């Protein structure tokens, strides 16, 4: 997570257009301290990060990610995020909801939501779990069945739309089988795209020229990657090569929209596999498949 935090921090600073001298003046730090912070040699304090966010005015989603990752990093490895922390953070990102918006929809104070999302030892009540699961459209704890919850909730507009984080192929090249994919997506996602009628297992979307995935088709492929494969979905995987860089596809025929393609990986070994829940062909000059 530390590398993802460092990358996002640099992206926010670069997007803000602030010079190092301006950062030094606003944060009250030396040139050496600013360089060490931006190079990842030292972690900023929470107060320093708040000053930086106030100065640079980044995208609110990026600010939330920075604050959450920094809290987890400064807590130490013995207090890494719990399963509930991860599920709540990822579900909120998927639905493109800020803490404040989720607080309004759930009637749970924003300060309480921040504690539930960022603190390992903060235990949600049954009513809180039921309310948040209903609004976010997925169970935040095992054994919680969203449709059977009797918790009273404020009216929230229902929509079949799911907002999926988008990750680049450059970031995906850094993924490994030892990583938790939801954590990886939460740390590396850049923006969201809207999709319809996707299962809860859908985790991210990646769009790139088809040949990046070892597919001989013109244009691009839009792949919906998941943490699992529900019944009825195509048997197709995106794989990372075990030797050398790059990706390949393995599974049943797909991409009928761009000419039938049958993956033939041959003897290539996979370093990791991710289920492809949906594959959309985007012709030359085309846009996001569900726009």
Protein backbone atom coordinates (compact mmCIF):
# COMPACT_ATOMS: atom_id res chain seq x y z
CA UNK A 1 0.00 0.00 0.00
CA UNK A 2 2.92 2.34 0.68
CA UNK A 3 3.89 2.50 -3.00
CA UNK A 4 0.31 3.29 -4.01
CA UNK A 5 0.15 6.06 -1.40
CA UNK A 6 3.41 7.56 -2.65
CA UNK A 7 2.25 7.44 -6.27
CA UNK A 8 -1.10 9.07 -5.53
CA UNK A 9 0.55 11.75 -3.39
CA UNK A 10 2.93 12.65 -6.24
CA UNK A 11 0.03 12.67 -8.72
CA UNK A 12 -1.94 15.04 -6.50
CA UNK A 13 1.04 17.37 -6.06
CA UNK A 14 1.78 17.37 -9.79
CA UNK A 15 -1.87 17.98 -10.70
CA UNK A 16 -1.99 20.86 -8.23
CA UNK A 17 0.91 22.56 -10.00
CA UNK A 18 2.62 23.57 -6.74
CA UNK A 19 6.37 24.17 -6.78
CA UNK A 20 8.56 22.68 -4.07
CA UNK A 21 9.33 26.14 -2.76
CA UNK A 22 5.60 26.83 -2.43
CA UNK A 23 5.15 23.55 -0.56
CA UNK A 24 8.04 24.43 1.74
CA UNK A 25 6.48 27.77 2.57
CA UNK A 26 2.93 26.47 3.10
CA UNK A 27 3.92 23.37 5.10
CA UNK A 28 6.75 25.02 7.01
CA UNK A 29 9.19 22.30 5.96
CA UNK A 30 12.75 22.32 4.69
CA UNK A 31 13.61 21.45 1.09
CA UNK A 32 15.03 18.14 2.32
CA UNK A 33 11.85 17.23 4.24
CA UNK A 34 9.61 18.03 1.25
CA UNK A 35 11.81 15.91 -1.04
CA UNK A 36 11.81 13.00 1.42
CA UNK A 37 8.02 13.16 1.72
CA UNK A 38 7.45 13.20 -2.06
CA UNK A 39 10.05 10.47 -2.63
CA UNK A 40 8.44 8.20 -0.05
CA UNK A 41 11.35 8.24 2.40
CA UNK A 42 9.12 9.59 5.18
CA UNK A 43 5.37 9.54 5.78
CA UNK A 44 3.63 12.86 6.40
CA UNK A 45 1.69 13.33 9.61
CA UNK A 46 -2.10 13.48 9.35
CA UNK A 47 -1.95 17.20 10.15
CA UNK A 48 0.61 17.75 7.38
CA UNK A 49 -1.51 15.82 4.89
CA UNK A 50 -4.55 17.94 5.82
CA UNK A 51 -2.47 21.09 5.18
CA UNK A 52 -1.38 19.70 1.82
CA UNK A 53 -4.96 18.86 0.79
CA UNK A 54 -6.16 22.30 1.87
CA UNK A 55 -3.40 23.89 -0.23
CA UNK A 56 -3.74 21.79 -3.39
CA UNK A 57 -7.55 21.25 -3.50
CA UNK A 58 -7.34 17.77 -5.08
CA UNK A 59 -10.29 15.69 -6.24
CA UNK A 60 -12.30 14.77 -3.09
CA UNK A 61 -12.04 11.05 -3.89
CA UNK A 62 -8.23 11.29 -4.08
CA UNK A 63 -8.16 13.23 -0.81
CA UNK A 64 -10.26 10.54 0.90
CA UNK A 65 -7.97 7.80 -0.45
CA UNK A 66 -4.84 9.59 0.75
CA UNK A 67 -6.26 10.10 4.24
CA UNK A 68 -7.47 6.51 4.54
CA UNK A 69 -4.23 4.95 3.27
CA UNK A 70 -2.14 7.19 5.52
CA UNK A 71 -4.18 6.20 8.57
CA UNK A 72 -3.66 2.52 7.74
CA UNK A 73 0.05 2.99 7.05
CA UNK A 74 0.71 4.95 10.23
CA UNK A 75 -1.20 2.37 12.28
CA UNK A 76 1.48 -0.22 11.47
CA UNK A 77 1.39 -3.73 10.08
CA UNK A 78 -0.13 -5.14 13.30
CA UNK A 79 -3.19 -2.99 12.67
CA UNK A 80 -3.71 -3.52 8.95
CA UNK A 81 -7.23 -2.93 7.59
CA UNK A 82 -9.86 -5.41 8.66
CA UNK A 83 -12.12 -7.18 6.19
CA UNK A 84 -14.96 -4.82 7.14
CA UNK A 85 -12.70 -1.76 6.59
CA UNK A 86 -11.82 -3.03 3.11
CA UNK A 87 -15.39 -3.90 2.13
CA UNK A 88 -16.79 -0.56 3.28
CA UNK A 89 -14.07 1.47 1.56
CA UNK A 90 -14.31 -0.48 -1.71
CA UNK A 91 -18.12 -0.46 -1.79
CA UNK A 92 -18.17 3.29 -1.18
CA UNK A 93 -15.67 3.84 -4.01
CA UNK A 94 -17.68 1.64 -6.36
CA UNK A 95 -20.78 3.72 -5.73
CA UNK A 96 -18.83 6.99 -6.07
CA UNK A 97 -20.03 8.14 -2.66
CA UNK A 98 -18.09 10.50 -0.43
CA UNK A 99 -18.19 9.99 3.33
CA UNK A 100 -20.51 13.01 3.64
CA UNK A 101 -22.94 11.72 0.99
CA UNK A 102 -23.02 8.27 2.58
CA UNK A 103 -23.68 9.91 5.94
CA UNK A 104 -26.70 11.75 4.51
CA UNK A 105 -28.09 8.57 2.92
CA UNK A 106 -27.54 6.32 5.96
CA UNK A 107 -28.24 8.81 8.79
CA UNK A 108 -24.92 7.68 10.32
CA UNK A 109 -22.70 10.64 11.30
CA UNK A 110 -19.72 11.24 9.00
CA UNK A 111 -17.33 11.08 11.96
CA UNK A 112 -18.69 7.63 12.82
CA UNK A 113 -18.35 6.43 9.20
CA UNK A 114 -14.71 7.58 9.08
CA UNK A 115 -14.02 5.61 12.24
CA UNK A 116 -15.78 2.51 10.88
CA UNK A 117 -13.85 2.69 7.60
CA UNK A 118 -10.42 3.47 8.98
CA UNK A 119 -10.17 1.95 12.46
CA UNK A 120 -9.68 -1.79 12.85
CA UNK A 121 -11.17 -1.97 16.33
CA UNK A 122 -14.31 0.07 15.58
CA UNK A 123 -17.13 -2.49 15.64
CA UNK A 124 -20.28 -1.57 13.68
CA UNK A 125 -23.68 -2.30 15.15
CA UNK A 126 -26.05 -4.71 13.40
CA UNK A 127 -28.26 -1.78 12.35
CA UNK A 128 -25.25 0.08 10.89
CA UNK A 129 -24.16 -2.98 8.90
CA UNK A 130 -27.70 -3.53 7.60
CA UNK A 131 -28.18 0.13 6.63
CA UNK A 132 -24.83 0.45 4.87
CA UNK A 133 -25.20 -2.91 3.12
CA UNK A 134 -28.59 -1.88 1.77
CA UNK A 135 -27.41 1.49 0.48
CA UNK A 136 -24.16 0.18 -1.01
CA UNK A 137 -25.85 -2.83 -2.59
CA UNK A 138 -23.68 -5.57 -1.09
CA UNK A 139 -23.22 -7.31 2.28
CA UNK A 140 -20.43 -5.72 4.32
CA UNK A 141 -20.24 -8.69 6.65
CA UNK A 142 -20.61 -12.40 5.97
CA UNK A 143 -24.07 -13.62 6.84
CA UNK A 144 -25.72 -10.26 6.17
CA UNK A 145 -28.42 -10.68 3.53
CA UNK A 146 -29.25 -7.30 2.04
CA UNK A 147 -32.72 -8.18 0.77
CA UNK A 148 -33.83 -9.52 4.17
CA UNK A 149 -32.82 -6.50 6.27
CA UNK A 150 -35.67 -4.88 8.23
CA UNK A 151 -33.61 -1.84 9.23
CA UNK A 152 -35.52 1.42 8.61
CA UNK A 153 -33.70 3.51 6.00
CA UNK A 154 -34.18 6.91 4.43
CA UNK A 155 -35.28 6.77 0.82
CA UNK A 156 -32.36 6.41 -1.58
CA UNK A 157 -32.76 6.46 -5.34
CA UNK A 158 -32.50 2.91 -6.67
CA UNK A 159 -30.36 2.38 -9.74
CA UNK A 160 -28.96 -0.68 -11.50
CA UNK A 161 -25.83 1.34 -12.26
CA UNK A 162 -22.56 0.19 -10.72
CA UNK A 163 -19.60 2.57 -10.65
CA UNK A 164 -16.40 0.58 -11.23
CA UNK A 165 -12.92 1.95 -10.59
CA UNK A 166 -10.76 2.12 -13.71
CA UNK A 167 -7.17 0.86 -13.58
CA UNK A 168 -4.52 1.24 -16.24
CA UNK A 169 -2.53 -1.58 -17.80
CA UNK A 170 0.62 0.07 -16.42
CA UNK A 171 -0.71 -0.32 -12.88
CA UNK A 172 -2.05 -3.81 -13.59
CA UNK A 173 1.47 -4.86 -14.60
CA UNK A 174 2.45 -4.37 -10.94
CA UNK A 175 -0.20 -6.76 -9.63
CA UNK A 176 0.84 -10.15 -8.23
CA UNK A 177 -1.00 -13.22 -6.98
CA UNK A 178 0.07 -12.39 -3.41
CA UNK A 179 -1.93 -9.15 -3.41
CA UNK A 180 -5.56 -8.68 -2.43
CA UNK A 181 -7.19 -7.50 -5.66
CA UNK A 182 -9.78 -5.26 -3.97
CA UNK A 183 -7.04 -3.49 -2.03
CA UNK A 184 -4.99 -3.18 -5.21
CA UNK A 185 -7.91 -1.60 -7.07
CA UNK A 186 -8.73 0.75 -4.19
CA UNK A 187 -5.12 1.97 -4.17
CA UNK A 188 -4.66 2.23 -7.94
CA UNK A 189 -8.08 3.16 -9.33
CA UNK A 190 -8.26 6.43 -11.28
CA UNK A 191 -11.83 7.59 -11.80
CA UNK A 192 -14.97 5.52 -12.30
CA UNK A 193 -17.06 4.22 -15.20
CA UNK A 194 -20.75 3.34 -15.05
CA UNK A 195 -21.97 -0.18 -15.87
CA UNK A 196 -25.31 -1.91 -15.64
CA UNK A 197 -26.47 -5.26 -14.28
CA UNK A 198 -23.09 -6.47 -13.03
CA UNK A 199 -22.68 -8.84 -10.07
CA UNK A 200 -21.15 -7.85 -6.73
CA UNK A 201 -17.97 -9.71 -7.72
CA UNK A 202 -17.19 -7.04 -10.36
CA UNK A 203 -14.19 -5.10 -9.03
CA UNK A 204 -12.59 -2.98 -11.77
CA UNK A 205 -12.47 -2.10 -15.45
CA UNK A 206 -9.36 -1.92 -17.63
CA UNK A 207 -9.39 -0.50 -21.17
CA UNK A 208 -6.44 -0.82 -23.54
CA UNK A 209 -5.56 -1.70 -27.15
CA UNK A 210 -6.46 -5.34 -27.77
CA UNK A 211 -2.88 -6.31 -28.53
CA UNK A 212 -1.92 -5.29 -24.97
CA UNK A 213 -3.86 -8.38 -23.88
CA UNK A 214 -2.40 -10.61 -26.59
CA UNK A 215 -5.56 -10.39 -28.70
CA UNK A 216 -5.32 -9.90 -32.48
CA UNK A 217 -8.22 -7.46 -32.91
CA UNK A 218 -8.30 -3.85 -34.08
CA UNK A 219 -9.34 -1.21 -31.56
CA UNK A 220 -9.53 -1.69 -27.81
CA UNK A 221 -10.89 -4.16 -25.29
CA UNK A 222 -12.84 -3.16 -22.20
CA UNK A 223 -12.51 -5.90 -19.59
CA UNK A 224 -14.59 -6.10 -16.42
CA UNK A 225 -12.40 -7.89 -13.88
CA UNK A 226 -13.82 -9.63 -10.84
CA UNK A 227 -12.83 -11.21 -7.55
CA UNK A 228 -14.78 -14.33 -8.47
CA UNK A 229 -16.90 -15.79 -11.26
CA UNK A 230 -20.64 -16.10 -10.56
CA UNK A 231 -22.59 -18.88 -12.20
CA UNK A 232 -23.52 -18.11 -15.80
CA UNK A 233 -20.62 -15.81 -16.60
CA UNK A 234 -18.04 -16.52 -19.30
CA UNK A 235 -15.11 -18.77 -18.46
CA UNK A 236 -12.37 -16.35 -19.40
CA UNK A 237 -9.34 -15.13 -17.48
CA UNK A 238 -6.90 -12.26 -17.87
CA UNK A 239 -3.46 -13.60 -16.99
CA UNK A 240 -0.09 -12.08 -16.21
CA UNK A 241 2.86 -13.82 -17.83
CA UNK A 242 5.10 -15.72 -15.40
CA UNK A 243 8.18 -14.79 -17.44
CA UNK A 244 8.60 -11.32 -18.87
CA UNK A 245 6.09 -8.51 -18.97
CA UNK A 246 2.65 -8.51 -20.55
CA UNK A 247 -0.71 -10.26 -20.39
CA UNK A 248 -2.60 -12.99 -22.20
CA UNK A 249 -6.15 -14.31 -22.23
CA UNK A 250 -7.16 -17.88 -21.41
CA UNK A 251 -10.62 -19.46 -21.62
CA UNK A 252 -13.62 -19.83 -23.87
CA UNK A 253 -14.26 -17.95 -27.15
CA UNK A 254 -15.36 -14.35 -26.70
CA UNK A 255 -15.44 -10.88 -28.27
CA UNK A 256 -18.03 -11.73 -30.93
CA UNK A 257 -18.59 -8.00 -31.48
CA UNK A 258 -15.16 -7.64 -33.01
CA UNK A 259 -14.86 -11.00 -34.71
CA UNK A 260 -14.87 -14.28 -32.81
CA UNK A 261 -11.70 -14.74 -30.80
CA UNK A 262 -10.59 -18.00 -29.22
CA UNK A 263 -7.82 -17.62 -26.61
CA UNK A 264 -4.90 -19.93 -27.33
CA UNK A 265 -2.26 -19.36 -24.67
CA UNK A 266 -0.35 -22.51 -25.62
CA UNK A 267 2.34 -23.33 -23.09
CA UNK A 268 2.52 -19.85 -21.59
CA UNK A 269 2.35 -20.03 -17.79
CA UNK A 270 0.33 -17.55 -15.76
CA UNK A 271 1.80 -15.70 -12.80
CA UNK A 272 -1.75 -14.74 -11.80
CA UNK A 273 -5.32 -14.99 -13.09
CA UNK A 274 -8.30 -12.66 -12.76
CA UNK A 275 -11.81 -13.61 -13.89
CA UNK A 276 -13.13 -11.59 -16.84
CA UNK A 277 -16.85 -11.10 -16.21
CA UNK A 278 -17.48 -9.09 -19.35
CA UNK A 279 -15.42 -8.26 -22.44
CA UNK A 280 -16.48 -5.41 -24.72
CA UNK A 281 -14.83 -4.67 -28.03
CA UNK A 282 -14.36 -0.95 -28.73
CA UNK A 283 -13.68 -0.28 -32.46
CA UNK A 284 -11.20 2.35 -33.58
CA UNK A 285 -12.53 5.75 -32.53
CA UNK A 286 -15.14 4.18 -30.25
CA UNK A 287 -15.79 4.99 -26.58
CA UNK A 288 -16.56 3.21 -23.31
CA UNK A 289 -18.75 0.26 -24.19
CA UNK A 290 -21.70 1.17 -21.96
CA UNK A 291 -21.75 4.95 -22.59
